């Protein structure tokens, strides 16, 4: 059963230290998980693992909101998240995030 557009919600939390470990282990194969634009967003930051934490949490929150594999998405590559870049795109989801010292929290809601 697919959720209706006005009832979509997903929340995820990623520990920054885990994102840092993930980045160190996979920095050369990020294209397996992310688009070129997302990778550029991560690498622009002087602390790329923080941007990576935002993207990981955002993709998971969207995945949860859309019903995961049972909904409209099959995998993370079905989602492209670019913080601050939604001009000119049709957007049915609102994504917000908070970065703290130890973690990132992302909320995704259908609008």
N, C-alpha and C. Protein backbone atom coordinates (compact mmCIF):
# COMPACT_ATOMS: atom_id res chain seq x y z
N UNK A 1 0.83 -1.18 0.00
CA UNK A 1 0.00 0.00 0.00
C UNK A 1 0.88 1.24 0.00
N UNK A 2 0.66 2.13 -0.92
CA UNK A 2 1.44 3.36 -1.02
C UNK A 2 0.78 4.47 -0.20
N UNK A 3 1.60 5.23 0.53
CA UNK A 3 1.03 6.33 1.29
C UNK A 3 0.58 7.45 0.36
N UNK A 4 -0.45 8.18 0.76
CA UNK A 4 -0.88 9.32 -0.05
C UNK A 4 0.08 10.47 0.14
N UNK A 5 0.16 11.37 -0.83
CA UNK A 5 1.15 12.45 -0.84
C UNK A 5 1.04 13.36 0.36
N UNK A 6 -0.17 13.53 0.91
CA UNK A 6 -0.31 14.45 2.04
C UNK A 6 0.01 13.80 3.38
N UNK A 7 0.41 12.55 3.40
CA UNK A 7 0.72 11.86 4.65
C UNK A 7 2.16 11.37 4.69
N UNK A 8 2.99 11.85 3.79
CA UNK A 8 4.37 11.39 3.74
C UNK A 8 5.19 12.05 4.83
N UNK A 9 5.95 11.26 5.57
CA UNK A 9 6.90 11.80 6.54
C UNK A 9 8.00 10.79 6.77
N UNK A 10 9.20 11.30 6.89
CA UNK A 10 10.36 10.46 7.18
C UNK A 10 11.36 11.28 7.97
N UNK A 11 11.99 10.65 8.93
CA UNK A 11 12.99 11.31 9.77
C UNK A 11 14.19 10.38 9.89
N UNK A 12 15.39 10.95 9.86
CA UNK A 12 16.57 10.13 10.07
C UNK A 12 17.64 10.94 10.79
N UNK A 13 18.47 10.22 11.53
CA UNK A 13 19.58 10.81 12.28
C UNK A 13 20.84 10.06 11.89
N UNK A 14 21.91 10.80 11.61
CA UNK A 14 23.20 10.19 11.28
C UNK A 14 24.26 10.78 12.21
N UNK A 15 25.02 9.91 12.86
CA UNK A 15 26.13 10.37 13.69
C UNK A 15 27.26 10.84 12.78
N UNK A 16 27.80 12.01 13.07
CA UNK A 16 28.85 12.58 12.23
C UNK A 16 30.10 11.70 12.24
N UNK A 17 30.43 11.10 13.36
CA UNK A 17 31.62 10.23 13.41
C UNK A 17 31.45 9.02 12.49
N UNK A 18 30.23 8.51 12.37
CA UNK A 18 29.99 7.38 11.46
C UNK A 18 30.08 7.82 10.01
N UNK A 19 29.59 9.03 9.72
CA UNK A 19 29.71 9.56 8.36
C UNK A 19 31.17 9.78 8.01
N UNK A 20 31.96 10.21 8.98
CA UNK A 20 33.40 10.41 8.76
C UNK A 20 34.08 9.09 8.43
N UNK A 21 33.75 8.04 9.16
CA UNK A 21 34.30 6.70 8.89
C UNK A 21 33.88 6.21 7.51
N UNK A 22 32.60 6.42 7.18
CA UNK A 22 32.08 6.02 5.86
C UNK A 22 32.83 6.76 4.76
N UNK A 23 33.04 8.07 4.95
CA UNK A 23 33.73 8.88 3.94
C UNK A 23 35.16 8.39 3.75
N UNK A 24 35.86 8.13 4.83
CA UNK A 24 37.24 7.65 4.72
C UNK A 24 37.31 6.30 4.00
N UNK A 25 36.36 5.43 4.27
CA UNK A 25 36.36 4.10 3.67
C UNK A 25 35.89 4.09 2.22
N UNK A 26 35.02 5.04 1.84
CA UNK A 26 34.37 4.99 0.52
C UNK A 26 34.57 6.24 -0.34
N UNK A 27 35.47 7.13 0.04
CA UNK A 27 35.59 8.40 -0.69
C UNK A 27 35.89 8.21 -2.18
N UNK A 28 36.53 7.10 -2.54
CA UNK A 28 36.85 6.87 -3.95
C UNK A 28 35.74 6.17 -4.72
N UNK A 29 34.70 5.73 -4.05
CA UNK A 29 33.60 5.06 -4.76
C UNK A 29 32.24 5.65 -4.38
N UNK A 30 32.21 6.94 -4.10
CA UNK A 30 30.95 7.60 -3.73
C UNK A 30 29.92 7.55 -4.86
N UNK A 31 30.39 7.40 -6.10
CA UNK A 31 29.46 7.37 -7.23
C UNK A 31 28.55 6.14 -7.18
N UNK A 32 28.87 5.17 -6.36
CA UNK A 32 27.99 4.02 -6.18
C UNK A 32 26.74 4.38 -5.39
N UNK A 33 26.84 5.48 -4.63
CA UNK A 33 25.75 5.87 -3.74
C UNK A 33 25.12 7.22 -4.11
N UNK A 34 25.90 8.09 -4.77
CA UNK A 34 25.49 9.48 -4.96
C UNK A 34 25.66 9.93 -6.40
N UNK A 35 24.91 10.98 -6.77
CA UNK A 35 25.05 11.59 -8.10
C UNK A 35 26.31 12.46 -8.13
N UNK A 36 26.72 12.87 -9.32
CA UNK A 36 27.88 13.76 -9.46
C UNK A 36 27.67 15.07 -8.71
N UNK A 37 26.45 15.59 -8.77
CA UNK A 37 26.14 16.84 -8.08
C UNK A 37 26.24 16.67 -6.56
N UNK A 38 25.76 15.56 -6.06
CA UNK A 38 25.83 15.29 -4.62
C UNK A 38 27.29 15.14 -4.17
N UNK A 39 28.09 14.44 -4.96
CA UNK A 39 29.50 14.26 -4.63
C UNK A 39 30.22 15.60 -4.62
N UNK A 40 29.92 16.45 -5.59
CA UNK A 40 30.52 17.80 -5.62
C UNK A 40 30.13 18.59 -4.38
N UNK A 41 28.87 18.47 -3.95
CA UNK A 41 28.40 19.14 -2.74
C UNK A 41 29.19 18.67 -1.52
N UNK A 42 29.41 17.38 -1.41
CA UNK A 42 30.16 16.82 -0.29
C UNK A 42 31.60 17.33 -0.30
N UNK A 43 32.24 17.29 -1.43
CA UNK A 43 33.67 17.62 -1.52
C UNK A 43 33.95 19.12 -1.43
N UNK A 44 32.94 19.97 -1.65
CA UNK A 44 33.13 21.42 -1.52
C UNK A 44 33.37 21.85 -0.08
N UNK A 45 32.88 21.10 0.86
CA UNK A 45 32.94 21.45 2.27
C UNK A 45 34.32 21.12 2.84
N UNK A 46 34.83 21.98 3.73
CA UNK A 46 36.13 21.67 4.34
C UNK A 46 36.03 20.48 5.30
N UNK A 47 34.82 20.17 5.73
CA UNK A 47 34.55 18.94 6.50
C UNK A 47 33.53 18.13 5.70
N UNK A 48 33.99 17.44 4.65
CA UNK A 48 33.07 16.76 3.74
C UNK A 48 32.18 15.72 4.41
N UNK A 49 32.64 15.14 5.47
CA UNK A 49 31.85 14.12 6.17
C UNK A 49 30.58 14.70 6.79
N UNK A 50 30.57 16.01 7.10
CA UNK A 50 29.34 16.63 7.62
C UNK A 50 28.31 16.73 6.49
N UNK A 51 28.74 17.17 5.32
CA UNK A 51 27.84 17.21 4.16
C UNK A 51 27.36 15.81 3.81
N UNK A 52 28.26 14.84 3.92
CA UNK A 52 27.89 13.46 3.66
C UNK A 52 26.82 12.99 4.64
N UNK A 53 26.96 13.36 5.91
CA UNK A 53 25.96 12.99 6.92
C UNK A 53 24.60 13.57 6.56
N UNK A 54 24.58 14.82 6.08
CA UNK A 54 23.32 15.45 5.66
C UNK A 54 22.69 14.66 4.52
N UNK A 55 23.48 14.32 3.51
CA UNK A 55 22.95 13.59 2.36
C UNK A 55 22.47 12.18 2.74
N UNK A 56 23.24 11.49 3.55
CA UNK A 56 22.82 10.14 3.98
C UNK A 56 21.50 10.20 4.74
N UNK A 57 21.39 11.14 5.67
CA UNK A 57 20.16 11.26 6.45
C UNK A 57 19.00 11.71 5.56
N UNK A 58 19.26 12.62 4.62
CA UNK A 58 18.20 13.11 3.73
C UNK A 58 17.69 11.99 2.83
N UNK A 59 18.59 11.22 2.25
CA UNK A 59 18.16 10.12 1.39
C UNK A 59 17.34 9.10 2.17
N UNK A 60 17.78 8.79 3.39
CA UNK A 60 17.05 7.83 4.21
C UNK A 60 15.69 8.38 4.61
N UNK A 61 15.61 9.67 4.96
CA UNK A 61 14.33 10.28 5.33
C UNK A 61 13.36 10.26 4.14
N UNK A 62 13.85 10.57 2.95
CA UNK A 62 13.00 10.53 1.75
C UNK A 62 12.56 9.09 1.49
N UNK A 63 13.49 8.16 1.60
CA UNK A 63 13.18 6.75 1.39
C UNK A 63 12.07 6.29 2.34
N UNK A 64 12.18 6.68 3.60
CA UNK A 64 11.15 6.33 4.59
C UNK A 64 9.81 7.00 4.26
N UNK A 65 9.85 8.27 3.88
CA UNK A 65 8.62 9.01 3.57
C UNK A 65 7.90 8.41 2.37
N UNK A 66 8.66 7.94 1.41
CA UNK A 66 8.07 7.40 0.19
C UNK A 66 7.69 5.93 0.31
N UNK A 67 7.84 5.37 1.48
CA UNK A 67 7.44 3.98 1.68
C UNK A 67 8.53 2.98 1.41
N UNK A 68 9.77 3.44 1.28
CA UNK A 68 10.89 2.53 1.06
C UNK A 68 10.72 1.68 -0.18
N UNK A 69 11.26 0.49 -0.14
CA UNK A 69 11.21 -0.41 -1.29
C UNK A 69 9.78 -0.83 -1.62
N UNK A 70 8.87 -0.72 -0.67
CA UNK A 70 7.47 -1.08 -0.91
C UNK A 70 6.69 0.09 -1.51
N UNK A 71 7.29 1.25 -1.53
CA UNK A 71 6.63 2.45 -2.06
C UNK A 71 7.09 2.75 -3.47
N UNK A 72 7.47 4.00 -3.69
CA UNK A 72 7.84 4.47 -5.03
C UNK A 72 9.33 4.43 -5.32
N UNK A 73 10.14 4.05 -4.34
CA UNK A 73 11.59 4.05 -4.52
C UNK A 73 12.14 2.64 -4.36
N UNK A 74 13.09 2.30 -5.21
CA UNK A 74 13.71 0.99 -5.11
C UNK A 74 15.04 1.04 -4.37
N UNK A 75 15.78 2.16 -4.52
CA UNK A 75 17.08 2.27 -3.86
C UNK A 75 17.48 3.74 -3.72
N UNK A 76 18.57 3.99 -2.99
CA UNK A 76 19.02 5.35 -2.74
C UNK A 76 19.33 6.12 -4.02
N UNK A 77 19.75 5.43 -5.06
CA UNK A 77 20.08 6.14 -6.29
C UNK A 77 18.85 6.72 -6.98
N UNK A 78 17.65 6.35 -6.51
CA UNK A 78 16.42 6.94 -7.03
C UNK A 78 16.19 8.35 -6.48
N UNK A 79 16.99 8.76 -5.50
CA UNK A 79 16.81 10.05 -4.83
C UNK A 79 18.04 10.91 -5.07
N UNK A 80 17.83 12.14 -5.51
CA UNK A 80 18.92 13.12 -5.63
C UNK A 80 18.58 14.28 -4.71
N UNK A 81 19.43 14.52 -3.73
CA UNK A 81 19.20 15.58 -2.76
C UNK A 81 20.29 16.63 -2.92
N UNK A 82 19.88 17.87 -3.16
CA UNK A 82 20.83 18.97 -3.26
C UNK A 82 20.36 20.09 -2.34
N UNK A 83 20.91 20.18 -1.14
CA UNK A 83 20.49 21.23 -0.21
C UNK A 83 20.57 22.62 -0.83
N UNK A 84 19.47 23.37 -0.70
CA UNK A 84 19.43 24.73 -1.21
C UNK A 84 19.20 24.86 -2.70
N UNK A 85 18.98 23.76 -3.39
CA UNK A 85 18.82 23.82 -4.85
C UNK A 85 17.52 23.17 -5.28
N UNK A 86 16.44 23.90 -5.17
CA UNK A 86 15.17 23.35 -5.65
C UNK A 86 14.47 24.29 -6.61
N UNK A 87 15.12 25.37 -6.98
CA UNK A 87 14.52 26.32 -7.91
C UNK A 87 14.28 25.68 -9.26
N UNK A 88 13.08 25.82 -9.76
CA UNK A 88 12.75 25.30 -11.08
C UNK A 88 12.43 23.82 -11.11
N UNK A 89 12.47 23.17 -9.96
CA UNK A 89 12.16 21.75 -9.92
C UNK A 89 10.81 21.54 -9.27
N UNK A 90 10.10 20.54 -9.75
CA UNK A 90 8.83 20.18 -9.11
C UNK A 90 9.18 19.44 -7.83
N UNK A 91 8.69 19.96 -6.74
CA UNK A 91 9.02 19.39 -5.44
C UNK A 91 7.76 19.09 -4.67
N UNK A 92 7.53 17.83 -4.37
CA UNK A 92 6.39 17.44 -3.56
C UNK A 92 6.81 17.16 -2.12
N UNK A 93 8.10 17.30 -1.84
CA UNK A 93 8.63 17.03 -0.52
C UNK A 93 9.37 18.24 0.02
N UNK A 94 9.24 18.47 1.29
CA UNK A 94 9.98 19.53 1.98
C UNK A 94 10.98 18.84 2.89
N UNK A 95 12.26 19.18 2.72
CA UNK A 95 13.32 18.57 3.52
C UNK A 95 13.98 19.66 4.35
N UNK A 96 14.12 19.39 5.63
CA UNK A 96 14.84 20.32 6.51
C UNK A 96 15.84 19.52 7.33
N UNK A 97 16.94 20.19 7.70
CA UNK A 97 17.94 19.48 8.48
C UNK A 97 18.56 20.38 9.53
N UNK A 98 19.08 19.73 10.56
CA UNK A 98 19.77 20.41 11.65
C UNK A 98 21.11 19.69 11.85
N UNK A 99 22.18 20.47 11.89
CA UNK A 99 23.51 19.91 12.14
C UNK A 99 23.94 20.31 13.55
N UNK A 100 24.26 19.33 14.34
CA UNK A 100 24.77 19.55 15.69
C UNK A 100 26.20 19.02 15.77
N UNK A 101 26.80 19.13 16.93
CA UNK A 101 28.20 18.72 17.09
C UNK A 101 28.41 17.25 16.77
N UNK A 102 27.50 16.38 17.20
CA UNK A 102 27.69 14.94 17.06
C UNK A 102 26.79 14.27 16.04
N UNK A 103 25.76 14.97 15.56
CA UNK A 103 24.81 14.30 14.67
C UNK A 103 24.12 15.29 13.74
N UNK A 104 23.46 14.72 12.75
CA UNK A 104 22.63 15.45 11.80
C UNK A 104 21.25 14.82 11.84
N UNK A 105 20.21 15.64 11.88
CA UNK A 105 18.83 15.15 11.85
C UNK A 105 18.15 15.75 10.63
N UNK A 106 17.47 14.92 9.86
CA UNK A 106 16.75 15.38 8.67
C UNK A 106 15.30 14.94 8.77
N UNK A 107 14.42 15.86 8.40
CA UNK A 107 12.98 15.58 8.35
C UNK A 107 12.52 15.80 6.92
N UNK A 108 11.72 14.88 6.42
CA UNK A 108 11.14 14.97 5.09
C UNK A 108 9.64 14.84 5.23
N UNK A 109 8.90 15.78 4.64
CA UNK A 109 7.44 15.74 4.73
C UNK A 109 6.83 16.05 3.37
N UNK A 110 5.76 15.35 3.04
CA UNK A 110 5.02 15.64 1.81
C UNK A 110 4.29 16.95 1.94
N UNK A 111 4.27 17.72 0.84
CA UNK A 111 3.54 19.00 0.84
C UNK A 111 2.55 19.03 -0.29
